[in-house]
Protein backbone atom coordinates (compact mmCIF):
# COMPACT_ATOMS: atom_id res chain seq x y z
CA MET A 1 16.76 8.24 13.85
CA ARG A 2 14.01 6.07 15.31
CA LYS A 3 12.90 8.98 17.46
CA CYS A 4 12.86 11.19 14.37
CA SER A 5 10.60 8.68 12.61
CA TYR A 6 8.03 8.90 15.38
CA ILE A 7 8.04 12.68 15.05
CA ILE A 8 7.43 12.35 11.32
CA LEU A 9 4.58 9.90 11.88
CA LEU A 10 2.90 12.36 14.22
CA LEU A 11 3.31 15.08 11.60
CA VAL A 12 1.61 12.84 9.08
CA ILE A 13 -1.31 12.18 11.42
CA PHE A 14 -1.84 15.85 12.24
CA THR A 15 -1.45 16.97 8.62
CA SER A 16 -3.95 14.41 7.36
CA ALA A 17 -6.48 15.36 9.99
CA ALA A 18 -6.21 19.03 9.14
CA PHE A 19 -7.53 18.45 5.63
CA LYS A 20 -10.44 16.11 6.43
CA SER A 21 -13.43 17.13 8.47
CA ASN A 22 -14.24 13.47 9.16
CA GLY A 23 -10.64 12.62 9.94
CA ALA A 24 -9.96 14.34 13.25
CA ILE A 25 -9.10 11.68 15.80
CA ASP A 26 -10.84 12.67 19.00
CA LEU A 27 -12.12 11.13 22.20
CA THR A 28 -15.79 11.49 21.23
CA ALA A 29 -15.59 8.39 19.02
CA ASN A 30 -17.40 6.33 21.66
CA GLU A 31 -20.53 8.34 20.82
CA TYR A 32 -20.61 6.58 17.43
CA LEU A 33 -22.04 3.17 16.59
CA LEU A 34 -19.02 2.34 14.41
CA THR A 35 -15.56 3.90 14.06
CA ILE A 36 -13.35 3.00 11.10
CA TYR A 37 -9.69 3.84 10.46
CA ALA A 38 -8.64 3.69 6.79
CA TYR A 39 -6.14 5.24 4.37
CA GLU A 40 -7.29 8.32 2.51
CA SER A 41 -7.44 6.84 -1.01
CA LEU A 42 -9.61 3.86 -0.06
CA LEU A 43 -12.28 3.52 -2.80
CA ALA A 44 -11.75 7.22 -3.46
CA ASP A 45 -11.23 7.58 -7.21
CA PRO A 46 -13.60 8.15 -8.93
CA GLY A 47 -15.22 7.23 -5.66
CA TYR A 48 -17.57 4.81 -3.96
CA ASN A 49 -19.05 6.08 -0.70
CA PHE A 50 -18.74 2.93 1.35
CA VAL A 51 -20.00 4.64 4.52
CA GLN A 52 -23.26 5.48 2.78
CA GLY A 53 -23.32 2.01 1.25
CA TYR A 54 -22.98 0.34 4.63
CA SER A 55 -25.56 2.68 6.13
CA ASN A 56 -28.04 1.63 3.44
CA TYR A 57 -27.24 -2.03 4.11
CA SER A 58 -27.29 -1.97 7.90
CA GLY A 59 -29.71 0.80 8.75
CA ILE A 60 -27.12 2.57 10.90
CA PRO A 61 -27.37 6.32 10.18
CA VAL A 62 -24.41 7.85 8.37
CA ASP A 63 -23.96 10.32 11.19
CA SER A 64 -23.39 7.42 13.55
CA ILE A 65 -20.47 6.07 11.53
CA HIS A 66 -17.13 7.73 12.24
CA LEU A 67 -14.68 7.39 9.32
CA ILE A 68 -11.14 8.52 10.08
CA LEU A 69 -8.80 8.81 7.09
CA VAL A 70 -5.01 8.99 7.30
CA ASP A 71 -2.28 8.91 4.68
CA ASP A 72 -1.10 5.29 4.90
CA ALA A 73 -1.59 1.97 6.64
CA ASN A 74 1.57 2.58 8.69
CA THR A 75 -0.19 5.51 10.33
CA ILE A 76 -3.25 3.38 11.04
CA VAL A 77 -1.09 0.88 12.91
CA THR A 78 0.75 3.62 14.79
CA GLN A 79 -2.48 5.28 15.92
CA ALA A 80 -4.07 2.00 16.95
CA VAL A 81 -1.00 1.11 19.02
CA LEU A 82 -1.20 4.46 20.81
CA GLU A 83 -4.84 3.74 21.68
CA LYS A 84 -4.69 0.01 22.37
CA ASN A 85 -5.34 0.34 26.11
CA ASN A 86 -8.45 2.41 25.39
CA PRO A 87 -9.49 1.70 21.78
CA ILE A 88 -11.38 4.27 19.75
CA ALA A 89 -11.57 2.39 16.45
CA ASP A 90 -13.70 -0.69 15.84
CA VAL A 91 -12.31 -1.61 12.41
CA LEU A 92 -8.93 -1.07 10.74
CA ILE A 93 -8.75 -1.14 6.93
CA GLY A 94 -5.54 -1.29 4.89
CA ILE A 95 -3.00 -3.20 6.98
CA ASP A 96 -1.18 -5.52 4.60
CA ASN A 97 0.68 -8.84 4.66
CA VAL A 98 3.82 -7.15 6.03
CA LEU A 99 2.35 -4.77 8.59
CA ILE A 100 0.24 -7.61 10.00
CA HIS A 101 3.37 -8.81 11.83
CA THR A 102 3.62 -5.49 13.66
CA ALA A 103 -0.12 -5.42 14.32
CA LYS A 104 -0.02 -8.90 15.86
CA GLN A 105 3.06 -8.16 17.95
CA GLU A 106 1.35 -5.06 19.32
CA GLU A 107 -1.88 -7.00 19.96
CA ILE A 108 -4.19 -4.39 18.44
CA LEU A 109 -6.45 -6.90 16.63
CA GLU A 110 -8.46 -9.98 17.51
CA PRO A 111 -9.31 -12.90 15.22
CA TYR A 112 -12.61 -12.95 13.37
CA ALA A 113 -13.76 -15.73 11.01
CA SER A 114 -16.20 -13.80 8.85
CA SER A 115 -18.99 -15.67 7.12
CA SER A 116 -17.87 -13.95 3.88
CA LEU A 117 -14.61 -15.93 3.85
CA VAL A 118 -16.40 -18.72 2.02
CA ASN A 119 -15.87 -16.70 -1.18
CA ILE A 120 -12.21 -15.81 -0.54
CA SER A 121 -9.46 -18.21 -1.55
CA GLN A 122 -7.58 -20.01 1.20
CA ASN A 123 -4.34 -19.00 -0.51
CA LEU A 124 -5.09 -15.29 0.06
CA ILE A 125 -6.11 -15.96 3.65
CA ASP A 126 -2.97 -17.98 4.37
CA ASN A 127 -0.66 -15.43 2.73
CA LEU A 128 -2.19 -12.56 4.68
CA ASP A 129 -2.82 -14.16 8.05
CA PRO A 130 -3.92 -17.79 8.58
CA ASP A 131 -4.85 -16.85 12.17
CA MET A 132 -7.46 -14.42 10.73
CA TYR A 133 -6.54 -11.40 12.79
CA LEU A 134 -6.72 -9.74 9.38
CA LEU A 135 -8.96 -10.76 6.47
CA PRO A 136 -8.11 -10.02 2.80
CA TYR A 137 -10.24 -7.57 0.83
CA ASP A 138 -7.94 -6.85 -2.14
CA TYR A 139 -4.53 -7.68 -3.57
CA GLY A 140 -2.02 -6.73 -6.26
CA ILE A 141 1.70 -6.69 -6.93
CA ILE A 142 4.15 -3.88 -6.21
CA ALA A 143 5.62 -2.73 -9.53
CA LEU A 144 7.54 0.16 -11.08
CA TRP A 145 5.03 2.41 -12.85
CA TYR A 146 6.30 4.67 -15.61
CA ASP A 147 5.06 7.41 -17.93
CA THR A 148 5.38 6.06 -21.48
CA SER A 149 5.73 9.53 -22.97
CA ARG A 150 9.03 9.97 -21.10
CA ILE A 151 10.29 6.40 -20.67
CA ASN A 152 9.61 3.73 -23.30
CA SER A 153 11.17 1.03 -25.47
CA SER A 154 12.64 3.67 -27.78
CA SER A 155 14.72 5.21 -24.97
CA ILE A 156 15.27 1.96 -23.03
CA SER A 157 15.31 -0.94 -25.48
CA ASN A 158 15.02 -3.69 -22.85
CA ILE A 159 12.52 -1.92 -20.61
CA ASN A 160 10.39 -5.05 -20.39
CA ASN A 161 13.34 -7.18 -19.27
CA LEU A 162 15.15 -4.99 -16.74
CA THR A 163 16.78 -6.15 -13.52
CA LEU A 164 17.32 -4.09 -10.39
CA ASP A 165 21.00 -3.89 -11.39
CA ASP A 166 19.93 -2.42 -14.75
CA ILE A 167 18.14 0.41 -12.95
CA LEU A 168 21.54 1.48 -11.60
CA SER A 169 23.63 0.85 -14.72
CA LEU A 170 21.18 2.71 -16.97
CA GLY A 171 20.88 5.65 -14.58
CA LEU A 172 17.16 5.04 -14.04
CA ASP A 173 17.59 5.55 -10.30
CA SER A 174 17.78 9.28 -11.10
CA LYS A 175 14.29 8.96 -12.63
CA LEU A 176 12.81 6.90 -9.80
CA ILE A 177 10.59 7.89 -6.88
CA VAL A 178 10.36 5.47 -3.96
CA GLU A 179 8.33 5.69 -0.77
CA ASP A 180 9.98 5.57 2.65
CA PRO A 181 9.51 1.97 3.87
CA THR A 182 9.29 3.12 7.48
CA LEU A 183 6.23 5.22 6.60
CA SER A 184 4.64 3.67 3.52
CA SER A 185 3.30 0.19 2.81
CA PRO A 186 4.23 0.14 -0.93
CA GLY A 187 7.63 1.53 0.05
CA LEU A 188 8.05 -1.31 2.52
CA GLY A 189 7.01 -3.78 -0.16
CA PHE A 190 9.72 -2.45 -2.47
CA LEU A 191 12.35 -2.72 0.27
CA LEU A 192 11.40 -6.36 0.78
CA TRP A 193 11.50 -6.84 -3.00
CA THR A 194 15.18 -5.81 -2.97
CA ILE A 195 15.92 -8.01 0.05
CA ALA A 196 14.29 -11.03 -1.62
CA VAL A 197 16.30 -10.45 -4.81
CA TYR A 198 19.72 -9.74 -3.29
CA GLY A 199 19.56 -11.57 0.03
CA ASP A 200 21.01 -10.67 3.42
CA PRO A 201 24.37 -12.23 4.35
CA GLU A 202 23.99 -11.08 7.97
CA ILE A 203 21.29 -13.72 8.49
CA GLU A 204 22.66 -16.13 5.86
CA PHE A 205 19.70 -15.48 3.58
CA GLU A 206 20.64 -16.06 -0.07
CA GLY A 207 17.65 -14.54 -1.83
CA LEU A 208 17.77 -14.96 -5.60
CA LEU A 209 21.30 -13.66 -6.13
CA GLY A 210 23.21 -14.38 -2.91
CA ARG A 211 24.42 -10.80 -2.48
CA ASP A 212 23.50 -7.97 -0.10
CA TRP A 213 20.42 -5.75 -0.44
CA ARG A 214 22.26 -2.89 1.25
CA ASP A 215 24.61 -2.53 -1.72
CA TRP A 216 21.78 -1.69 -4.13
CA TRP A 217 20.41 0.98 -1.81
CA ASN A 218 23.86 2.44 -1.07
CA ASN A 219 24.50 2.78 -4.81
CA ALA A 220 21.07 4.26 -5.53
CA THR A 221 20.45 6.52 -2.54
CA ASP A 222 22.11 9.67 -3.89
CA ASN A 223 19.93 9.60 -7.01
CA LEU A 224 16.58 8.39 -5.69
CA ARG A 225 13.79 10.70 -4.63
CA ILE A 226 12.29 9.39 -1.39
CA THR A 227 8.79 10.47 -0.32
CA SER A 228 6.65 9.83 2.73
CA SER A 229 3.73 8.16 0.99
CA TRP A 230 2.29 6.91 -2.28
CA GLY A 231 0.28 10.13 -2.60
CA ALA A 232 3.38 12.31 -2.25
CA ALA A 233 5.18 10.16 -4.83
CA PHE A 234 2.21 10.49 -7.19
CA ASP A 235 2.35 14.29 -7.00
CA LEU A 236 6.05 14.27 -7.93
CA PHE A 237 5.47 11.68 -10.66
CA TYR A 238 3.35 14.22 -12.57
CA SER A 239 5.61 17.19 -11.84
CA ASP A 240 7.44 18.45 -14.94
CA GLU A 241 10.01 20.18 -12.75
CA GLU A 242 10.94 16.93 -11.01
CA ASN A 243 11.27 14.89 -14.24
CA ARG A 244 10.78 11.64 -12.33
CA PRO A 245 8.76 9.43 -14.69
CA ILE A 246 9.08 6.19 -12.66
CA MET A 247 7.63 5.46 -9.24
CA VAL A 248 7.04 2.51 -6.93
CA SER A 249 3.36 1.70 -7.38
CA TYR A 250 1.21 -1.26 -8.34
CA GLY A 251 0.79 -3.67 -11.24
CA THR A 252 -2.77 -2.37 -11.52
CA SER A 253 -1.73 1.29 -11.95
CA PRO A 254 -1.90 1.29 -15.80
CA ALA A 255 -5.57 0.29 -15.53
CA TYR A 256 -6.18 3.62 -13.82
CA ASP A 257 -5.04 5.51 -16.92
CA VAL A 258 -6.87 3.24 -19.33
CA CYS A 259 -10.13 2.38 -17.56
CA HIS A 260 -10.93 5.37 -15.37
CA PRO A 261 -14.56 6.33 -16.16
CA LEU A 262 -13.77 10.05 -16.28
CA TRP A 263 -10.37 10.35 -17.97
CA GLY A 264 -9.30 6.85 -18.97
CA VAL A 265 -8.06 6.72 -22.58
CA GLY A 266 -9.72 3.37 -23.29
CA THR A 267 -8.28 0.30 -24.94
CA GLU A 268 -8.29 1.61 -28.51
CA VAL A 269 -5.17 3.77 -28.10
CA ASP A 270 -1.69 3.20 -26.66
CA PRO A 271 -1.79 3.47 -22.86
CA PRO A 272 -0.12 6.55 -21.32
CA SER A 273 1.61 4.46 -18.65
CA ALA A 274 2.95 0.98 -18.06
CA VAL A 275 4.78 -1.00 -15.38
CA PHE A 276 7.85 -3.16 -15.25
CA LEU A 277 9.01 -5.81 -12.81
CA SER A 278 12.55 -7.08 -12.27
CA HIS A 279 13.82 -10.05 -14.25
CA GLU A 280 16.63 -11.63 -12.28
CA ASN A 281 17.31 -15.26 -13.27
CA GLY A 282 14.87 -14.93 -16.18
CA LEU A 283 11.88 -14.59 -13.83
CA ASP A 284 9.12 -11.98 -13.63
CA ASN A 285 9.79 -10.91 -10.05
CA ALA A 286 7.39 -8.85 -7.95
CA TRP A 287 6.29 -8.43 -4.35
CA LEU A 288 2.67 -9.32 -3.59
CA GLN A 289 0.65 -6.99 -1.40
CA ILE A 290 -2.55 -8.26 0.19
CA GLU A 291 -4.59 -5.63 2.01
CA GLY A 292 -6.77 -6.61 4.92
CA ILE A 293 -9.57 -5.53 7.20
CA GLY A 294 -9.41 -6.30 10.91
CA LEU A 295 -11.47 -6.22 14.10
CA VAL A 296 -9.87 -4.07 16.80
CA LYS A 297 -9.17 -5.86 20.07
CA ASP A 298 -11.70 -4.74 22.69
CA ALA A 299 -13.53 -2.69 20.06
CA PRO A 300 -16.24 -0.47 21.60
CA ASN A 301 -18.82 -1.61 19.01
CA LYS A 302 -17.78 -5.17 18.30
CA GLU A 303 -21.00 -6.55 16.81
CA ASN A 304 -21.40 -3.62 14.43
CA ALA A 305 -17.73 -4.03 13.49
CA LYS A 306 -18.22 -7.72 12.64
CA ASN A 307 -21.29 -6.90 10.56
CA PHE A 308 -19.33 -4.22 8.68
CA ILE A 309 -16.46 -6.63 7.97
CA ASP A 310 -18.91 -9.22 6.62
CA TRP A 311 -20.40 -6.59 4.31
CA PHE A 312 -17.00 -5.23 3.23
CA LEU A 313 -15.99 -8.69 2.03
CA SER A 314 -19.32 -9.29 0.26
CA GLU A 315 -19.95 -8.88 -3.47
CA GLU A 316 -21.92 -5.69 -2.85
CA LEU A 317 -18.77 -3.90 -1.73
CA GLN A 318 -16.17 -5.96 -3.57
CA GLN A 319 -17.58 -5.13 -7.01
CA ASN A 320 -16.37 -1.56 -6.40
CA ILE A 321 -12.75 -2.53 -5.71
CA PRO A 322 -11.28 -2.76 -9.26
CA LEU A 323 -12.43 0.60 -10.64
CA ASN A 324 -12.36 2.61 -7.41
CA ASN A 325 -9.50 1.09 -5.42
CA TRP A 326 -7.59 -0.16 -8.48
CA MET A 327 -6.71 -3.54 -7.02
CA TYR A 328 -7.98 -7.09 -7.49
CA PRO A 329 -10.98 -7.89 -5.23
CA ALA A 330 -10.48 -10.73 -2.76
CA ASN A 331 -14.02 -12.09 -3.19
CA ASN A 332 -13.76 -14.62 -6.02
CA GLN A 333 -17.44 -14.24 -6.93
CA THR A 334 -16.88 -10.63 -7.99
CA GLU A 335 -17.22 -9.83 -11.68
CA ILE A 336 -14.21 -7.78 -12.81
CA ASP A 337 -14.41 -5.28 -15.68
CA SER A 338 -12.67 -6.57 -18.83
CA CYS A 339 -10.77 -3.30 -19.29
CA PHE A 340 -9.23 -3.73 -15.86
CA LEU A 341 -8.28 -7.33 -16.55
CA ASP A 342 -6.64 -6.40 -19.86
CA SER A 343 -4.69 -3.45 -18.42
CA ALA A 344 -3.50 -4.75 -15.03
CA ILE A 345 -0.89 -7.39 -14.23
CA ASN A 346 -2.46 -10.48 -12.72
CA PRO A 347 -0.48 -11.56 -9.63
CA ASN A 348 -1.11 -15.17 -10.58
CA GLU A 349 0.96 -14.70 -13.75
CA VAL A 350 4.24 -13.47 -12.19
CA ASP A 351 6.89 -14.88 -9.86
CA ILE A 352 6.01 -13.85 -6.32
CA LEU A 353 9.06 -12.98 -4.21
CA ASN A 354 7.19 -13.28 -0.91
CA TYR A 355 7.70 -17.03 -0.93
CA LEU A 356 11.46 -16.53 -0.49
CA ILE A 357 11.00 -14.79 2.87
CA SER A 358 9.22 -17.01 5.36
CA PRO A 359 6.74 -15.48 7.83
CA THR A 360 9.16 -16.33 10.64
CA MET A 361 12.08 -14.63 8.89
CA LEU A 362 9.92 -11.59 8.16
CA SER A 363 8.64 -11.33 11.70
CA ASN A 364 12.13 -11.75 13.19
CA ASN A 365 13.86 -9.26 10.89
CA LEU A 366 11.31 -6.66 9.80
CA ASP A 367 12.11 -4.06 12.45
CA ARG A 368 15.85 -4.55 11.95
CA TRP A 369 15.58 -4.20 8.17
CA LYS A 370 13.59 -0.97 8.46
CA SER A 371 15.97 0.39 11.06
CA GLU A 372 19.03 -0.44 8.95
CA TRP A 373 17.47 1.15 5.88
CA GLU A 374 16.79 4.26 7.93
CA ILE A 375 20.17 4.50 9.65
CA GLU A 376 22.67 3.04 7.20
CA ILE A 377 21.09 3.73 3.82
CA VAL A 378 19.22 7.02 4.02
CA GLU A 379 20.58 8.58 7.21
CA PHE A 380 19.34 12.07 7.97
CA SER A 381 18.84 13.18 4.37
CA SER A 382 15.50 11.42 4.15
CA ILE A 383 14.15 13.34 7.15
CA ILE A 384 14.34 16.61 5.25
CA VAL A 385 12.76 15.08 2.17
CA VAL A 386 9.96 13.44 4.14
CA ILE A 387 9.01 16.63 5.98
CA SER A 388 8.98 18.64 2.73
CA THR A 389 6.90 16.04 0.89
CA ILE A 390 4.38 15.90 3.74
CA SER A 391 3.82 19.63 3.36
CA PHE A 392 3.75 19.43 -0.43
CA ALA A 393 1.29 16.51 -0.47
CA SER A 394 -1.02 18.17 2.05
CA ILE A 395 -1.37 21.26 -0.12
CA SER A 396 -1.68 19.22 -3.30
CA TYR A 397 -4.44 17.10 -1.83
CA ILE A 398 -6.86 20.01 -2.09
CA PHE A 399 -6.43 20.09 -5.84
CA LEU A 400 -5.75 16.48 -6.78
CA LYS A 401 -6.96 13.25 -5.23
CA ARG A 402 -6.19 10.17 -7.24
CA ARG A 403 -5.85 6.49 -6.51
CA HIS A 404 -2.75 4.33 -5.81
């Protein structure tokens, strides 16, 4: 199964590159003054051209900046590991507070204390990486996003007070799309959400309920739809044929439907979507994702990379995060649109599950948890689904590009 996962990751890389003229990973990158690896939806909807923005700021011509876009942060890490003895990238964008453990183990980054950190809270820095191999640029909670025209309080009376057990007992697992945690960062966040809630008796970890996370997945697996990435899940979320009106997404996702400058419905009408958390022990439980930007170890253009990181964490860039990347900006001097604030869930107002799993526990068990999910929970059925969703998402990307 592990070997199969590597095959799938390579398929993802090749498929992504085929649809982006600036995304082909090649060995001519050393001809550029700056090479950046990022996920494809970064600041993409409605869109802020951060390459042009940095070019205007730095004076480096756009043609000298090589932006390589892939489907997910997992792929960024995988590619950087493959190249770590002869790096092509200077900057990696999108690795989060879980994948940082893999990135540090593989030694693909080096610490950088940016001057822009003065405007970023120490709490965000510490919860992403206190060693500063990765610096936070945005954050938000993983949540279950649903279409209110198909799922609402009329059909599910306690929708705002559900537990993970309720998802099974009410049959909502047959309406749910989740991302493969071995391939997708929000999918991995959701897996850790379930581990934090149920615990893991194999390592004597109680979690909130003192049970076993594997039981929830074993009970749900036959009914879930598992995709390779957030983008593939999004395509199925809006497919009438699939009838899957719930997906693993973000607490900021409703703001996309309400505040989008092109098709947002505004605050004067009922929002077309909402999110729910899980409410074990009377808490508002969610997994916090902090996304980071990092300097590649032995980067070919290290000084330009540092300058780009400083700029990416500055107000000039950060003001574009809420309504283009649909997350909270890390820079605390950034003014956030009131529509976004009213429509998104503030991570500071929920119960963060991350605190139950220590960094040491996460680092020691992450690979084992992903491997067990892959082997014991999903087995070979997910391979077929992942390959099909990669193909489906690649074709769909031509027609629809929207933000996580």
